[in-house]
Amino acid sequence: MLLHLPIVLLTTLSPIPISDTVPQFAIAKECSFESEGSAESKLCTQEETAALAELKKKWPQFVASEKSNCLLETRSGGFTSYVELLTCLEMAHDADGARSEAVSPARQRAQLQRPGATVGMGHGSATSKSGQ
């Protein structure tokens, strides 16, 4: 557990300042640079604009460490994308939620109190055969 402490400290002390607003990327510039034709550029612009609108709605639900890590990842390739940022944030948020659900003491107690719930080895295990 203590081995993860330096990683946690480094992610919370990110060099990228996190504000309470969605970062501003140059959609038209990036889409025209990355696309080969006007149809591709138009589709890119539509996707980026939709992702920006979704980010504006969901931005407050993401924690600072998720925002910091995803912004760093999104900016590292040179192409800044709202689609990529949104995907990264949703994946990080889902992973954090899954981790907190998996270790929740209340959830563990609820599973133990369910009738017929088994913990540990499943049916047909070596312990059930040894009693025969």
C-alpha atoms as a PDB file:
ATOM      1  CA  MET A   1       0.000   0.000   0.000  1.00  0.00           C
ATOM      2  CA  LEU A   2       2.782   2.436   0.832  1.00  0.00           C
ATOM      3  CA  LEU A   3       4.470   1.682  -2.493  1.00  0.00           C
ATOM      4  CA  HIS A   4       1.691   3.608  -4.232  1.00  0.00           C
ATOM      5  CA  LEU A   5       2.164   6.707  -2.071  1.00  0.00           C
ATOM      6  CA  PRO A   6       4.789   8.374  -4.321  1.00  0.00           C
ATOM      7  CA  ILE A   7       2.552   7.871  -7.357  1.00  0.00           C
ATOM      8  CA  VAL A   8      -0.413   9.412  -5.566  1.00  0.00           C
ATOM      9  CA  LEU A   9       1.675  12.360  -4.436  1.00  0.00           C
ATOM     10  CA  LEU A  10       3.049  12.953  -7.920  1.00  0.00           C
ATOM     11  CA  THR A  11      -0.378  12.900  -9.540  1.00  0.00           C
ATOM     12  CA  THR A  12      -1.779  15.370  -7.041  1.00  0.00           C
ATOM     13  CA  LEU A  13       1.166  17.721  -7.570  1.00  0.00           C
ATOM     14  CA  SER A  14       0.755  17.895 -11.336  1.00  0.00           C
ATOM     15  CA  PRO A  15       2.461  20.762 -13.182  1.00  0.00           C
ATOM     16  CA  ILE A  16      -0.748  21.388 -15.140  1.00  0.00           C
ATOM     17  CA  PRO A  17      -3.029  23.776 -13.286  1.00  0.00           C
ATOM     18  CA  ILE A  18      -6.612  22.564 -13.169  1.00  0.00           C
ATOM     19  CA  SER A  19      -9.369  25.124 -13.369  1.00  0.00           C
ATOM     20  CA  ASP A  20     -13.081  24.742 -12.901  1.00  0.00           C
ATOM     21  CA  THR A  21     -13.705  25.227 -16.620  1.00  0.00           C
ATOM     22  CA  VAL A  22     -13.176  23.002 -19.619  1.00  0.00           C
ATOM     23  CA  PRO A  23      -9.893  23.819 -21.393  1.00  0.00           C
ATOM     24  CA  GLN A  24     -10.052  25.587 -24.730  1.00  0.00           C
ATOM     25  CA  PHE A  25      -8.723  23.761 -27.783  1.00  0.00           C
ATOM     26  CA  ALA A  26      -8.618  25.145 -31.344  1.00  0.00           C
ATOM     27  CA  ILE A  27     -11.117  22.734 -32.944  1.00  0.00           C
ATOM     28  CA  ALA A  28     -11.065  24.156 -36.477  1.00  0.00           C
ATOM     29  CA  LYS A  29      -7.277  24.402 -36.581  1.00  0.00           C
ATOM     30  CA  GLU A  30      -6.721  20.899 -35.229  1.00  0.00           C
ATOM     31  CA  CYS A  31      -9.384  19.311 -37.454  1.00  0.00           C
ATOM     32  CA  SER A  32      -8.071  20.966 -40.601  1.00  0.00           C
ATOM     33  CA  PHE A  33      -4.524  19.915 -39.687  1.00  0.00           C
ATOM     34  CA  GLU A  34      -5.475  16.291 -39.006  1.00  0.00           C
ATOM     35  CA  SER A  35      -7.983  15.818 -41.848  1.00  0.00           C
ATOM     36  CA  GLU A  36      -7.202  15.206 -45.504  1.00  0.00           C
ATOM     37  CA  GLY A  37     -10.401  16.626 -46.976  1.00  0.00           C
ATOM     38  CA  SER A  38     -13.214  19.006 -46.199  1.00  0.00           C
ATOM     39  CA  ALA A  39     -15.678  16.180 -45.466  1.00  0.00           C
ATOM     40  CA  GLU A  40     -13.308  14.667 -42.892  1.00  0.00           C
ATOM     41  CA  SER A  41     -12.648  18.087 -41.420  1.00  0.00           C
ATOM     42  CA  LYS A  42     -16.386  18.772 -41.110  1.00  0.00           C
ATOM     43  CA  LEU A  43     -16.990  15.400 -39.411  1.00  0.00           C
ATOM     44  CA  CYS A  44     -14.046  16.007 -37.061  1.00  0.00           C
ATOM     45  CA  THR A  45     -15.429  19.445 -36.171  1.00  0.00           C
ATOM     46  CA  GLN A  46     -18.887  17.994 -35.463  1.00  0.00           C
ATOM     47  CA  GLU A  47     -17.463  15.242 -33.234  1.00  0.00           C
ATOM     48  CA  GLU A  48     -15.213  17.661 -31.350  1.00  0.00           C
ATOM     49  CA  THR A  49     -18.064  20.147 -30.851  1.00  0.00           C
ATOM     50  CA  ALA A  50     -20.350  17.389 -29.510  1.00  0.00           C
ATOM     51  CA  ALA A  51     -17.602  16.174 -27.160  1.00  0.00           C
ATOM     52  CA  LEU A  52     -17.053  19.755 -25.938  1.00  0.00           C
ATOM     53  CA  ALA A  53     -20.756  20.126 -25.145  1.00  0.00           C
ATOM     54  CA  GLU A  54     -20.700  16.828 -23.234  1.00  0.00           C
ATOM     55  CA  LEU A  55     -17.551  17.857 -21.356  1.00  0.00           C
ATOM     56  CA  LYS A  56     -19.169  21.125 -20.284  1.00  0.00           C
ATOM     57  CA  LYS A  57     -22.027  19.125 -18.747  1.00  0.00           C
ATOM     58  CA  LYS A  58     -19.867  16.494 -17.052  1.00  0.00           C
ATOM     59  CA  TRP A  59     -16.793  18.563 -16.089  1.00  0.00           C
ATOM     60  CA  PRO A  60     -17.809  19.107 -12.414  1.00  0.00           C
ATOM     61  CA  GLN A  61     -18.193  15.350 -11.761  1.00  0.00           C
ATOM     62  CA  PHE A  62     -14.532  14.624 -12.514  1.00  0.00           C
ATOM     63  CA  VAL A  63     -11.962  14.974  -9.737  1.00  0.00           C
ATOM     64  CA  ALA A  64      -8.828  17.083 -10.094  1.00  0.00           C
ATOM     65  CA  SER A  65      -6.463  14.121 -10.407  1.00  0.00           C
ATOM     66  CA  GLU A  66      -8.536  12.678 -13.281  1.00  0.00           C
ATOM     67  CA  LYS A  67      -8.566  16.052 -15.034  1.00  0.00           C
ATOM     68  CA  SER A  68      -4.843  16.546 -14.533  1.00  0.00           C
ATOM     69  CA  ASN A  69      -3.848  13.100 -15.772  1.00  0.00           C
ATOM     70  CA  CYS A  70      -6.149  13.221 -18.785  1.00  0.00           C
ATOM     71  CA  LEU A  71      -5.097  16.738 -19.776  1.00  0.00           C
ATOM     72  CA  LEU A  72      -1.471  15.685 -19.609  1.00  0.00           C
ATOM     73  CA  GLU A  73      -2.207  12.614 -21.722  1.00  0.00           C
ATOM     74  CA  THR A  74      -4.327  14.539 -24.218  1.00  0.00           C
ATOM     75  CA  ARG A  75      -1.721  17.243 -24.745  1.00  0.00           C
ATOM     76  CA  SER A  76       1.255  14.867 -24.967  1.00  0.00           C
ATOM     77  CA  GLY A  77       0.671  13.890 -28.618  1.00  0.00           C
ATOM     78  CA  GLY A  78       0.533  17.441 -29.937  1.00  0.00           C
ATOM     79  CA  PHE A  79      -3.079  17.075 -31.143  1.00  0.00           C
ATOM     80  CA  THR A  80      -5.585  18.302 -28.578  1.00  0.00           C
ATOM     81  CA  SER A  81      -8.933  16.569 -28.835  1.00  0.00           C
ATOM     82  CA  TYR A  82     -12.105  16.980 -26.804  1.00  0.00           C
ATOM     83  CA  VAL A  83     -13.136  13.469 -27.862  1.00  0.00           C
ATOM     84  CA  GLU A  84      -9.894  12.048 -26.472  1.00  0.00           C
ATOM     85  CA  LEU A  85     -10.162  14.103 -23.278  1.00  0.00           C
ATOM     86  CA  LEU A  86     -13.774  13.058 -22.680  1.00  0.00           C
ATOM     87  CA  THR A  87     -12.956   9.389 -23.289  1.00  0.00           C
ATOM     88  CA  CYS A  88     -10.003   9.515 -20.902  1.00  0.00           C
ATOM     89  CA  LEU A  89     -12.023  11.249 -18.179  1.00  0.00           C
ATOM     90  CA  GLU A  90     -14.945   8.823 -18.457  1.00  0.00           C
ATOM     91  CA  MET A  91     -12.626   5.818 -18.297  1.00  0.00           C
ATOM     92  CA  ALA A  92     -10.760   7.221 -15.290  1.00  0.00           C
ATOM     93  CA  HIS A  93     -14.024   8.080 -13.550  1.00  0.00           C
ATOM     94  CA  ASP A  94     -15.471   4.612 -14.212  1.00  0.00           C
ATOM     95  CA  ALA A  95     -12.285   2.953 -12.973  1.00  0.00           C
ATOM     96  CA  ASP A  96     -12.330   5.004  -9.763  1.00  0.00           C
ATOM     97  CA  GLY A  97     -15.989   4.126  -9.236  1.00  0.00           C
ATOM     98  CA  ALA A  98     -15.325   0.426  -9.759  1.00  0.00           C
ATOM     99  CA  ARG A  99     -12.433   0.505  -7.291  1.00  0.00           C
ATOM    100  CA  SER A 100     -14.503   2.248  -4.623  1.00  0.00           C
ATOM    101  CA  GLU A 101     -17.402  -0.178  -5.097  1.00  0.00           C
ATOM    102  CA  ALA A 102     -15.108  -3.187  -4.914  1.00  0.00           C
ATOM    103  CA  VAL A 103     -13.626  -2.212  -1.558  1.00  0.00           C
ATOM    104  CA  SER A 104     -16.656  -0.598   0.030  1.00  0.00           C
ATOM    105  CA  PRO A 105     -17.165  -2.047   3.545  1.00  0.00           C
ATOM    106  CA  ALA A 106     -20.919  -1.515   3.276  1.00  0.00           C
ATOM    107  CA  ARG A 107     -20.981  -3.493   0.046  1.00  0.00           C
ATOM    108  CA  GLN A 108     -18.938  -6.299   1.627  1.00  0.00           C
ATOM    109  CA  ARG A 109     -21.299  -6.467   4.625  1.00  0.00           C
ATOM    110  CA  ALA A 110     -24.327  -6.551   2.322  1.00  0.00           C
ATOM    111  CA  GLN A 111     -22.851  -9.445   0.367  1.00  0.00           C
ATOM    112  CA  LEU A 112     -22.052 -11.373   3.548  1.00  0.00           C
ATOM    113  CA  GLN A 113     -25.573 -10.887   4.916  1.00  0.00           C
ATOM    114  CA  ARG A 114     -27.321 -12.196   1.785  1.00  0.00           C
ATOM    115  CA  PRO A 115     -28.776 -15.665   2.303  1.00  0.00           C
ATOM    116  CA  GLY A 116     -26.895 -18.254   0.289  1.00  0.00           C
ATOM    117  CA  ALA A 117     -23.962 -15.976  -0.392  1.00  0.00           C
ATOM    118  CA  THR A 118     -20.626 -17.700  -0.444  1.00  0.00           C
ATOM    119  CA  VAL A 119     -17.290 -16.102   0.150  1.00  0.00           C
ATOM    120  CA  GLY A 120     -14.038 -17.639  -0.921  1.00  0.00           C
ATOM    121  CA  MET A 121     -14.134 -21.002  -2.613  1.00  0.00           C
ATOM    122  CA  GLY A 122     -17.069 -22.005  -4.795  1.00  0.00           C
ATOM    123  CA  HIS A 123     -19.207 -25.113  -4.830  1.00  0.00           C
ATOM    124  CA  GLY A 124     -17.408 -28.389  -5.389  1.00  0.00           C
ATOM    125  CA  SER A 125     -14.226 -27.179  -3.764  1.00  0.00           C
ATOM    126  CA  ALA A 126     -11.690 -29.396  -2.025  1.00  0.00           C
ATOM    127  CA  THR A 127     -13.181 -28.631   1.418  1.00  0.00           C
ATOM    128  CA  SER A 128     -16.589 -30.030   0.503  1.00  0.00           C
ATOM    129  CA  LYS A 129     -15.044 -33.250  -0.813  1.00  0.00           C
ATOM    130  CA  SER A 130     -12.907 -33.823   2.295  1.00  0.00           C
ATOM    131  CA  GLY A 131     -16.001 -34.281   4.467  1.00  0.00           C
ATOM    132  CA  GLN A 132     -17.130 -37.338   2.421  1.00  0.00           C
END
